[in-house]
Amino acid sequence: MKKLFQFLGILLLIFPAITYGECIEGDCNNGFGIYIFPEGGQYAGQFSGGEFAGTGKQVYADGNRSEGMFANGLLHGKGTLTYPDGSIYSGDFNRGAISGKGSMIFPNNSKYEGEFVDGIFHGMGTYTYSDGSQYKGQFKKGLLDGKGVLHSDGQVYRGEFKEGEHYGKGTITYFDKSQEIGEWKNGEFVVTQKIKAPMKKKTETPEGEEKPFGDEDIALEDFSNPEQDKDPFGDEDFPEQEDIFLEDDLAAEQEQEDIFSQDNINEETEGAEQ
């Protein structure tokens, strides 16, 4: 199974209300205006009572850029936040913090969609890795925690997770639909039951053509089934060879005696007629 990772980055951002700066254009009290900050960056959008309120765009001194709904000087409601490294968050904000439902796209093309609390993954969500692997399930404090499904390397794991690691009971389904059911102990998956892959339906072979030998004729071995240890070609399935030959000899002798007996009868009949 794929080695799980831990989310180390915290996405929490609290956006400050207006500090001492300068309104360089428009109405920065009750209307539309452009406001610049002394440390760098600016806000362009709607104002109410001298605070950011309504739709607007903000550029921060550290390179972050946001766009969306503002209230009391903070992002609140739907919005988008773009980081200097190219990461993009789109979704809900609550008083300047990323909280609610949203999506986060990272520079390596990995992506998270789901619930956030105070800027971290928390609740139900889906994380898609850059290689196409995907986890869908519960998160807690930024980590895989709870029940979930992990698709990776042609395998599907359904089970429990705790603090970013496999935990408890689960089931692994392989590409051929065979399954292993077990429990994680000390970082190892201990198999308690194996389920064979379902047999494929045999395809019809045109008359006259010899059917090729295919994998569908072979059942995967189940080590938990003692019946598998029996020889499928045991002697009980075949009669003894000597018995076959003996029966053939007796039949041939009987047939020859019948022929001779019939010839004798025919000769006696012909003699009597003469």
C-alpha atoms as a PDB file:
ATOM      1  CA  MET A   1       0.000   0.000   0.000  1.00  0.00           C
ATOM      2  CA  LYS A   2       0.993   3.580  -0.557  1.00  0.00           C
ATOM      3  CA  LYS A   3       2.971   5.218   2.215  1.00  0.00           C
ATOM      4  CA  LEU A   4       0.701   7.825   3.732  1.00  0.00           C
ATOM      5  CA  PHE A   5       1.819  11.317   4.383  1.00  0.00           C
ATOM      6  CA  GLN A   6       1.056  13.811   7.077  1.00  0.00           C
ATOM      7  CA  PHE A   7      -0.218  17.284   6.364  1.00  0.00           C
ATOM      8  CA  LEU A   8       2.319  19.534   7.993  1.00  0.00           C
ATOM      9  CA  GLY A   9       1.259  22.853   6.523  1.00  0.00           C
ATOM     10  CA  ILE A  10      -1.336  24.929   8.307  1.00  0.00           C
ATOM     11  CA  LEU A  11      -3.369  27.081   5.970  1.00  0.00           C
ATOM     12  CA  LEU A  12      -4.728  29.430   8.587  1.00  0.00           C
ATOM     13  CA  LEU A  13      -4.646  33.068   7.651  1.00  0.00           C
ATOM     14  CA  ILE A  14      -6.211  35.863   9.648  1.00  0.00           C
ATOM     15  CA  PHE A  15      -6.446  38.999   7.593  1.00  0.00           C
ATOM     16  CA  PRO A  16      -6.001  42.239   9.496  1.00  0.00           C
ATOM     17  CA  ALA A  17      -8.528  44.991   9.452  1.00  0.00           C
ATOM     18  CA  ILE A  18      -7.556  48.372   8.112  1.00  0.00           C
ATOM     19  CA  THR A  19      -4.419  49.733   9.697  1.00  0.00           C
ATOM     20  CA  TYR A  20      -3.033  53.153   9.158  1.00  0.00           C
ATOM     21  CA  GLY A  21      -2.676  53.625   5.454  1.00  0.00           C
ATOM     22  CA  GLU A  22      -3.937  55.854   2.715  1.00  0.00           C
ATOM     23  CA  CYS A  23      -6.961  55.980   0.467  1.00  0.00           C
ATOM     24  CA  ILE A  24      -5.506  56.818  -2.921  1.00  0.00           C
ATOM     25  CA  GLU A  25      -8.679  56.650  -4.986  1.00  0.00           C
ATOM     26  CA  GLY A  26     -12.461  56.686  -4.622  1.00  0.00           C
ATOM     27  CA  ASP A  27     -14.541  56.572  -1.459  1.00  0.00           C
ATOM     28  CA  CYS A  28     -12.863  54.518   1.262  1.00  0.00           C
ATOM     29  CA  ASN A  29     -15.638  55.204   3.765  1.00  0.00           C
ATOM     30  CA  ASN A  30     -18.897  54.197   2.088  1.00  0.00           C
ATOM     31  CA  GLY A  31     -18.406  53.286  -1.531  1.00  0.00           C
ATOM     32  CA  PHE A  32     -15.736  51.948  -3.837  1.00  0.00           C
ATOM     33  CA  GLY A  33     -12.113  52.856  -3.241  1.00  0.00           C
ATOM     34  CA  ILE A  34      -8.457  51.811  -3.370  1.00  0.00           C
ATOM     35  CA  TYR A  35      -6.556  51.678  -0.126  1.00  0.00           C
ATOM     36  CA  ILE A  36      -2.810  51.089   0.279  1.00  0.00           C
ATOM     37  CA  PHE A  37      -1.038  49.783   3.394  1.00  0.00           C
ATOM     38  CA  PRO A  38       2.128  51.323   4.827  1.00  0.00           C
ATOM     39  CA  GLU A  39       3.932  47.937   4.881  1.00  0.00           C
ATOM     40  CA  GLY A  40       2.943  47.292   1.257  1.00  0.00           C
ATOM     41  CA  GLY A  41      -0.046  45.828  -0.516  1.00  0.00           C
ATOM     42  CA  GLN A  42      -3.447  47.286  -1.246  1.00  0.00           C
ATOM     43  CA  TYR A  43      -7.195  46.691  -1.224  1.00  0.00           C
ATOM     44  CA  ALA A  44      -9.537  47.630  -4.022  1.00  0.00           C
ATOM     45  CA  GLY A  45     -13.241  47.195  -3.483  1.00  0.00           C
ATOM     46  CA  GLN A  46     -16.281  48.229  -1.514  1.00  0.00           C
ATOM     47  CA  PHE A  47     -16.231  49.990   1.854  1.00  0.00           C
ATOM     48  CA  SER A  48     -18.808  50.492   4.586  1.00  0.00           C
ATOM     49  CA  GLY A  49     -18.189  52.582   7.680  1.00  0.00           C
ATOM     50  CA  GLY A  50     -14.521  52.883   6.708  1.00  0.00           C
ATOM     51  CA  GLU A  51     -14.007  49.092   6.583  1.00  0.00           C
ATOM     52  CA  PHE A  52     -13.724  46.566   3.774  1.00  0.00           C
ATOM     53  CA  ALA A  53     -17.305  45.421   3.215  1.00  0.00           C
ATOM     54  CA  GLY A  54     -18.687  43.777   0.093  1.00  0.00           C
ATOM     55  CA  THR A  55     -16.755  42.487  -2.906  1.00  0.00           C
ATOM     56  CA  GLY A  56     -13.086  43.319  -3.171  1.00  0.00           C
ATOM     57  CA  LYS A  57      -9.538  42.299  -4.033  1.00  0.00           C
ATOM     58  CA  GLN A  58      -6.528  42.484  -1.766  1.00  0.00           C
ATOM     59  CA  VAL A  59      -2.805  42.121  -2.407  1.00  0.00           C
ATOM     60  CA  TYR A  60      -0.623  41.502   0.662  1.00  0.00           C
ATOM     61  CA  ALA A  61       2.957  42.499   1.320  1.00  0.00           C
ATOM     62  CA  ASP A  62       4.021  38.831   1.506  1.00  0.00           C
ATOM     63  CA  GLY A  63       2.683  38.156  -2.008  1.00  0.00           C
ATOM     64  CA  ASN A  64      -0.641  36.538  -1.109  1.00  0.00           C
ATOM     65  CA  ARG A  65      -3.644  37.688  -3.133  1.00  0.00           C
ATOM     66  CA  SER A  66      -7.315  37.347  -2.207  1.00  0.00           C
ATOM     67  CA  GLU A  67     -10.602  38.059  -3.869  1.00  0.00           C
ATOM     68  CA  GLY A  68     -14.168  37.652  -2.652  1.00  0.00           C
ATOM     69  CA  MET A  69     -16.597  38.872  -0.039  1.00  0.00           C
ATOM     70  CA  PHE A  70     -15.403  41.015   2.861  1.00  0.00           C
ATOM     71  CA  ALA A  71     -17.095  42.004   6.134  1.00  0.00           C
ATOM     72  CA  ASN A  72     -15.700  44.158   8.925  1.00  0.00           C
ATOM     73  CA  GLY A  73     -12.370  44.385   7.143  1.00  0.00           C
ATOM     74  CA  LEU A  74     -11.946  40.572   6.738  1.00  0.00           C
ATOM     75  CA  LEU A  75     -12.691  37.960   4.107  1.00  0.00           C
ATOM     76  CA  HIS A  76     -16.033  36.462   5.056  1.00  0.00           C
ATOM     77  CA  GLY A  77     -18.126  34.231   2.798  1.00  0.00           C
ATOM     78  CA  LYS A  78     -17.015  32.984  -0.600  1.00  0.00           C
ATOM     79  CA  GLY A  79     -13.525  33.834  -1.761  1.00  0.00           C
ATOM     80  CA  THR A  80     -10.246  32.837  -3.389  1.00  0.00           C
ATOM     81  CA  LEU A  81      -6.752  32.990  -1.933  1.00  0.00           C
ATOM     82  CA  THR A  82      -3.630  32.599  -4.065  1.00  0.00           C
ATOM     83  CA  TYR A  83      -0.270  31.932  -2.387  1.00  0.00           C
ATOM     84  CA  PRO A  84       3.156  33.033  -3.710  1.00  0.00           C
ATOM     85  CA  ASP A  85       4.113  29.381  -4.407  1.00  0.00           C
ATOM     86  CA  GLY A  86       1.116  28.980  -6.725  1.00  0.00           C
ATOM     87  CA  SER A  87      -1.211  27.191  -4.320  1.00  0.00           C
ATOM     88  CA  ILE A  88      -4.834  28.255  -4.715  1.00  0.00           C
ATOM     89  CA  TYR A  89      -7.688  27.979  -2.241  1.00  0.00           C
ATOM     90  CA  SER A  90     -11.287  28.537  -3.295  1.00  0.00           C
ATOM     91  CA  GLY A  91     -14.208  28.289  -0.931  1.00  0.00           C
ATOM     92  CA  ASP A  92     -15.563  29.543   2.360  1.00  0.00           C
ATOM     93  CA  PHE A  93     -13.974  32.037   4.734  1.00  0.00           C
ATOM     94  CA  ASN A  94     -15.075  32.855   8.266  1.00  0.00           C
ATOM     95  CA  ARG A  95     -13.814  36.154   9.716  1.00  0.00           C
ATOM     96  CA  GLY A  96     -10.604  35.955   7.733  1.00  0.00           C
ATOM     97  CA  ALA A  97      -9.908  32.251   8.315  1.00  0.00           C
ATOM     98  CA  ILE A  98     -10.329  29.412   5.842  1.00  0.00           C
ATOM     99  CA  SER A  99     -13.334  27.573   7.325  1.00  0.00           C
ATOM    100  CA  GLY A 100     -16.175  25.668   5.717  1.00  0.00           C
ATOM    101  CA  LYS A 101     -16.130  23.862   2.390  1.00  0.00           C
ATOM    102  CA  GLY A 102     -13.515  24.517  -0.234  1.00  0.00           C
ATOM    103  CA  SER A 103     -10.730  23.204  -2.422  1.00  0.00           C
ATOM    104  CA  MET A 104      -6.967  23.603  -2.317  1.00  0.00           C
ATOM    105  CA  ILE A 105      -4.701  23.031  -5.326  1.00  0.00           C
ATOM    106  CA  PHE A 106      -0.966  22.666  -4.635  1.00  0.00           C
ATOM    107  CA  PRO A 107       2.017  23.410  -6.940  1.00  0.00           C
ATOM    108  CA  ASN A 108       2.703  19.683  -7.497  1.00  0.00           C
ATOM    109  CA  ASN A 109      -0.887  19.287  -8.841  1.00  0.00           C
ATOM    110  CA  SER A 110      -2.135  17.477  -5.747  1.00  0.00           C
ATOM    111  CA  LYS A 111      -5.556  18.645  -4.626  1.00  0.00           C
ATOM    112  CA  TYR A 112      -7.825  18.624  -1.584  1.00  0.00           C
ATOM    113  CA  GLU A 113     -11.582  19.106  -1.712  1.00  0.00           C
ATOM    114  CA  GLY A 114     -13.697  19.078   1.394  1.00  0.00           C
ATOM    115  CA  GLU A 115     -14.142  20.637   4.790  1.00  0.00           C
ATOM    116  CA  PHE A 116     -11.792  23.034   6.567  1.00  0.00           C
ATOM    117  CA  VAL A 117     -11.707  24.321  10.141  1.00  0.00           C
ATOM    118  CA  ASP A 118      -9.461  27.274  10.989  1.00  0.00           C
ATOM    119  CA  GLY A 119      -7.367  26.722   7.878  1.00  0.00           C
ATOM    120  CA  ILE A 120      -6.707  22.955   8.126  1.00  0.00           C
ATOM    121  CA  PHE A 121      -8.329  19.854   6.636  1.00  0.00           C
ATOM    122  CA  HIS A 122     -10.949  18.723   9.121  1.00  0.00           C
ATOM    123  CA  GLY A 123     -14.096  16.705   8.425  1.00  0.00           C
ATOM    124  CA  MET A 124     -14.983  14.881   5.232  1.00  0.00           C
ATOM    125  CA  GLY A 125     -12.756  15.397   2.233  1.00  0.00           C
ATOM    126  CA  THR A 126     -10.956  14.004  -0.795  1.00  0.00           C
ATOM    127  CA  TYR A 127      -7.217  14.295  -1.328  1.00  0.00           C
ATOM    128  CA  THR A 128      -5.814  13.494  -4.781  1.00  0.00           C
ATOM    129  CA  TYR A 129      -2.065  12.861  -4.939  1.00  0.00           C
ATOM    130  CA  SER A 130       0.096  14.147  -7.782  1.00  0.00           C
ATOM    131  CA  ASP A 131       0.492  10.559  -9.096  1.00  0.00           C
ATOM    132  CA  GLY A 132      -3.269  10.058  -9.321  1.00  0.00           C
ATOM    133  CA  SER A 133      -3.708   8.112  -6.080  1.00  0.00           C
ATOM    134  CA  GLN A 134      -6.682   9.268  -4.051  1.00  0.00           C
ATOM    135  CA  TYR A 135      -7.987   9.185  -0.486  1.00  0.00           C
ATOM    136  CA  LYS A 136     -11.613   9.886   0.325  1.00  0.00           C
ATOM    137  CA  GLY A 137     -12.849   9.934   3.873  1.00  0.00           C
ATOM    138  CA  GLN A 138     -12.433  11.590   7.231  1.00  0.00           C
ATOM    139  CA  PHE A 139      -9.747  14.089   8.265  1.00  0.00           C
ATOM    140  CA  LYS A 140      -8.863  15.415  11.688  1.00  0.00           C
ATOM    141  CA  LYS A 141      -6.502  18.314  12.370  1.00  0.00           C
ATOM    142  CA  GLY A 142      -5.031  18.036   8.891  1.00  0.00           C
ATOM    143  CA  LEU A 143      -4.452  14.256   8.975  1.00  0.00           C
ATOM    144  CA  LEU A 144      -6.213  11.146   7.674  1.00  0.00           C
ATOM    145  CA  ASP A 145      -8.219  10.115  10.700  1.00  0.00           C
ATOM    146  CA  GLY A 146     -11.350   7.979  10.801  1.00  0.00           C
ATOM    147  CA  LYS A 147     -12.891   5.839   8.076  1.00  0.00           C
ATOM    148  CA  GLY A 148     -11.810   6.226   4.485  1.00  0.00           C
ATOM    149  CA  VAL A 149     -10.990   4.696   1.104  1.00  0.00           C
ATOM    150  CA  LEU A 150      -7.508   4.887  -0.431  1.00  0.00           C
ATOM    151  CA  HIS A 151      -6.980   4.145  -4.143  1.00  0.00           C
ATOM    152  CA  SER A 152      -3.308   3.499  -4.908  1.00  0.00           C
ATOM    153  CA  ASP A 153      -1.177   1.413  -7.311  1.00  0.00           C
ATOM    154  CA  GLY A 154      -4.169  -0.514  -8.644  1.00  0.00           C
ATOM    155  CA  GLN A 155      -5.306  -1.399  -5.128  1.00  0.00           C
ATOM    156  CA  VAL A 156      -8.190  -0.135  -3.027  1.00  0.00           C
ATOM    157  CA  TYR A 157      -7.964  -0.021   0.766  1.00  0.00           C
ATOM    158  CA  ARG A 158     -11.130   0.478   2.792  1.00  0.00           C
ATOM    159  CA  GLY A 159     -10.783   0.851   6.504  1.00  0.00           C
ATOM    160  CA  GLU A 160      -9.687   2.975   9.401  1.00  0.00           C
ATOM    161  CA  PHE A 161      -6.948   5.567   9.787  1.00  0.00           C
ATOM    162  CA  LYS A 162      -5.516   7.367  12.781  1.00  0.00           C
ATOM    163  CA  GLU A 163      -3.216  10.392  12.851  1.00  0.00           C
ATOM    164  CA  GLY A 164      -2.278   9.928   9.214  1.00  0.00           C
ATOM    165  CA  GLU A 165      -1.547   6.186   9.359  1.00  0.00           C
ATOM    166  CA  HIS A 166      -3.401   2.927   8.691  1.00  0.00           C
ATOM    167  CA  TYR A 167      -5.133   1.763  11.844  1.00  0.00           C
ATOM    168  CA  GLY A 168      -7.535  -0.966  12.913  1.00  0.00           C
ATOM    169  CA  LYS A 169      -9.507  -3.184  10.570  1.00  0.00           C
ATOM    170  CA  GLY A 170      -9.572  -2.902   6.815  1.00  0.00           C
ATOM    171  CA  THR A 171      -9.881  -4.623   3.450  1.00  0.00           C
ATOM    172  CA  ILE A 172      -7.465  -4.517   0.506  1.00  0.00           C
ATOM    173  CA  THR A 173      -8.948  -5.168  -2.939  1.00  0.00           C
ATOM    174  CA  TYR A 174      -6.413  -5.960  -5.671  1.00  0.00           C
ATOM    175  CA  PHE A 175      -6.629  -5.236  -9.404  1.00  0.00           C
ATOM    176  CA  ASP A 176      -8.009  -8.738 -10.122  1.00  0.00           C
ATOM    177  CA  LYS A 177     -10.784  -8.224  -7.506  1.00  0.00           C
ATOM    178  CA  SER A 178      -9.241 -10.645  -5.021  1.00  0.00           C
ATOM    179  CA  GLN A 179      -9.334  -9.379  -1.433  1.00  0.00           C
ATOM    180  CA  GLU A 180      -7.483  -9.576   1.833  1.00  0.00           C
ATOM    181  CA  ILE A 181      -9.296  -8.782   5.069  1.00  0.00           C
ATOM    182  CA  GLY A 182      -7.309  -8.059   8.176  1.00  0.00           C
ATOM    183  CA  GLU A 183      -6.132  -5.678  10.855  1.00  0.00           C
ATOM    184  CA  TRP A 184      -3.155  -3.361  11.276  1.00  0.00           C
ATOM    185  CA  LYS A 185      -0.827  -4.268  14.125  1.00  0.00           C
ATOM    186  CA  ASN A 186       2.497  -2.523  14.788  1.00  0.00           C
ATOM    187  CA  GLY A 187       2.490  -1.018  11.314  1.00  0.00           C
ATOM    188  CA  GLU A 188       1.877  -4.358   9.557  1.00  0.00           C
ATOM    189  CA  PHE A 189      -1.319  -5.600   7.911  1.00  0.00           C
ATOM    190  CA  VAL A 190      -2.183  -8.981   9.425  1.00  0.00           C
ATOM    191  CA  VAL A 191      -4.405 -10.950   7.041  1.00  0.00           C
ATOM    192  CA  THR A 192      -7.235 -12.912   8.649  1.00  0.00           C
ATOM    193  CA  GLN A 193      -9.149 -13.873   5.512  1.00  0.00           C
ATOM    194  CA  LYS A 194      -8.473 -14.162   1.790  1.00  0.00           C
ATOM    195  CA  ILE A 195     -11.110 -14.020  -0.923  1.00  0.00           C
ATOM    196  CA  LYS A 196     -10.318 -15.330  -4.386  1.00  0.00           C
ATOM    197  CA  ALA A 197     -10.767 -13.291  -7.520  1.00  0.00           C
ATOM    198  CA  PRO A 198     -14.069 -14.046  -9.266  1.00  0.00           C
ATOM    199  CA  MET A 199     -13.760 -16.435 -12.203  1.00  0.00           C
ATOM    200  CA  LYS A 200     -13.994 -14.787 -15.580  1.00  0.00           C
ATOM    201  CA  LYS A 201     -16.726 -15.915 -17.949  1.00  0.00           C
ATOM    202  CA  LYS A 202     -15.416 -18.233 -20.641  1.00  0.00           C
ATOM    203  CA  THR A 203     -15.773 -16.856 -24.137  1.00  0.00           C
ATOM    204  CA  GLU A 204     -17.141 -19.071 -26.885  1.00  0.00           C
ATOM    205  CA  THR A 205     -14.534 -20.467 -29.284  1.00  0.00           C
ATOM    206  CA  PRO A 206     -15.478 -20.736 -32.999  1.00  0.00           C
ATOM    207  CA  GLU A 207     -15.994 -24.319 -34.168  1.00  0.00           C
ATOM    208  CA  GLY A 208     -12.787 -25.889 -35.367  1.00  0.00           C
ATOM    209  CA  GLU A 209     -10.541 -23.564 -33.369  1.00  0.00           C
ATOM    210  CA  GLU A 210      -8.660 -24.815 -30.371  1.00  0.00           C
ATOM    211  CA  LYS A 211      -9.360 -22.767 -27.239  1.00  0.00           C
ATOM    212  CA  PRO A 212      -6.138 -21.179 -25.959  1.00  0.00           C
ATOM    213  CA  PHE A 213      -5.079 -21.834 -22.397  1.00  0.00           C
ATOM    214  CA  GLY A 214      -6.023 -18.699 -20.422  1.00  0.00           C
ATOM    215  CA  ASP A 215      -5.727 -17.371 -16.918  1.00  0.00           C
ATOM    216  CA  GLU A 216      -9.484 -17.729 -16.459  1.00  0.00           C
ATOM    217  CA  ASP A 217      -8.971 -21.490 -16.152  1.00  0.00           C
ATOM    218  CA  ILE A 218      -6.821 -21.042 -13.062  1.00  0.00           C
ATOM    219  CA  ALA A 219      -8.184 -20.200  -9.615  1.00  0.00           C
ATOM    220  CA  LEU A 220      -5.930 -18.326  -7.256  1.00  0.00           C
ATOM    221  CA  GLU A 221      -4.665 -20.387  -4.357  1.00  0.00           C
ATOM    222  CA  ASP A 222      -6.337 -19.850  -0.997  1.00  0.00           C
ATOM    223  CA  PHE A 223      -3.938 -20.894   1.764  1.00  0.00           C
ATOM    224  CA  SER A 224      -6.730 -20.705   4.317  1.00  0.00           C
ATOM    225  CA  ASN A 225      -8.681 -23.556   2.602  1.00  0.00           C
ATOM    226  CA  PRO A 226      -7.292 -27.025   3.475  1.00  0.00           C
ATOM    227  CA  GLU A 227      -9.283 -28.500   0.608  1.00  0.00           C
ATOM    228  CA  GLN A 228      -6.784 -26.846  -1.745  1.00  0.00           C
ATOM    229  CA  ASP A 229      -4.131 -29.319  -0.515  1.00  0.00           C
ATOM    230  CA  LYS A 230      -5.932 -32.296  -2.063  1.00  0.00           C
ATOM    231  CA  ASP A 231      -4.623 -33.580  -5.377  1.00  0.00           C
ATOM    232  CA  PRO A 232      -7.205 -32.513  -8.008  1.00  0.00           C
ATOM    233  CA  PHE A 233      -6.036 -35.424 -10.155  1.00  0.00           C
ATOM    234  CA  GLY A 234      -6.214 -38.141  -7.464  1.00  0.00           C
ATOM    235  CA  ASP A 235      -6.426 -41.830  -8.269  1.00  0.00           C
ATOM    236  CA  GLU A 236     -10.027 -41.982  -7.094  1.00  0.00           C
ATOM    237  CA  ASP A 237     -11.088 -40.165 -10.260  1.00  0.00           C
ATOM    238  CA  PHE A 238      -9.739 -42.867 -12.575  1.00  0.00           C
ATOM    239  CA  PRO A 239     -10.365 -46.706 -12.749  1.00  0.00           C
ATOM    240  CA  GLU A 240      -7.346 -48.997 -12.519  1.00  0.00           C
ATOM    241  CA  GLN A 241      -5.619 -49.490 -15.863  1.00  0.00           C
ATOM    242  CA  GLU A 242      -5.470 -53.293 -15.379  1.00  0.00           C
ATOM    243  CA  ASP A 243      -9.251 -53.368 -14.920  1.00  0.00           C
ATOM    244  CA  ILE A 244      -9.722 -51.558 -18.218  1.00  0.00           C
ATOM    245  CA  PHE A 245      -7.525 -54.032 -20.089  1.00  0.00           C
ATOM    246  CA  LEU A 246      -9.210 -57.036 -18.396  1.00  0.00           C
ATOM    247  CA  GLU A 247     -12.653 -55.834 -19.382  1.00  0.00           C
ATOM    248  CA  ASP A 248     -11.495 -55.339 -22.999  1.00  0.00           C
ATOM    249  CA  ASP A 249     -10.031 -58.900 -23.169  1.00  0.00           C
ATOM    250  CA  LEU A 250     -13.198 -60.491 -21.785  1.00  0.00           C
ATOM    251  CA  ALA A 251     -15.337 -58.600 -24.263  1.00  0.00           C
ATOM    252  CA  ALA A 252     -13.115 -59.702 -27.176  1.00  0.00           C
ATOM    253  CA  GLU A 253     -13.160 -63.374 -26.099  1.00  0.00           C
ATOM    254  CA  GLN A 254     -16.922 -63.318 -25.713  1.00  0.00           C
ATOM    255  CA  GLU A 255     -17.308 -61.774 -29.147  1.00  0.00           C
ATOM    256  CA  GLN A 256     -15.040 -64.472 -30.733  1.00  0.00           C
ATOM    257  CA  GLU A 257     -16.961 -67.327 -29.021  1.00  0.00           C
ATOM    258  CA  ASP A 258     -20.222 -65.902 -30.335  1.00  0.00           C
ATOM    259  CA  ILE A 259     -18.832 -65.829 -33.863  1.00  0.00           C
ATOM    260  CA  PHE A 260     -17.608 -69.445 -33.706  1.00  0.00           C
ATOM    261  CA  SER A 261     -20.910 -70.609 -32.221  1.00  0.00           C
ATOM    262  CA  GLN A 262     -22.864 -68.916 -34.984  1.00  0.00           C
ATOM    263  CA  ASP A 263     -20.658 -70.533 -37.713  1.00  0.00           C
ATOM    264  CA  ASN A 264     -21.235 -74.012 -36.240  1.00  0.00           C
ATOM    265  CA  ILE A 265     -24.981 -73.457 -36.229  1.00  0.00           C
ATOM    266  CA  ASN A 266     -24.903 -72.341 -39.877  1.00  0.00           C
ATOM    267  CA  GLU A 267     -22.885 -75.462 -40.960  1.00  0.00           C
ATOM    268  CA  GLU A 268     -25.268 -77.860 -39.203  1.00  0.00           C
ATOM    269  CA  THR A 269     -28.257 -76.185 -40.811  1.00  0.00           C
ATOM    270  CA  GLU A 270     -26.730 -76.458 -44.311  1.00  0.00           C
ATOM    271  CA  GLY A 271     -25.913 -80.215 -43.781  1.00  0.00           C
ATOM    272  CA  ALA A 272     -29.455 -80.994 -42.747  1.00  0.00           C
ATOM    273  CA  GLU A 273     -30.886 -79.325 -45.845  1.00  0.00           C
ATOM    274  CA  GLN A 274     -28.699 -81.400 -48.151  1.00  0.00           C
END
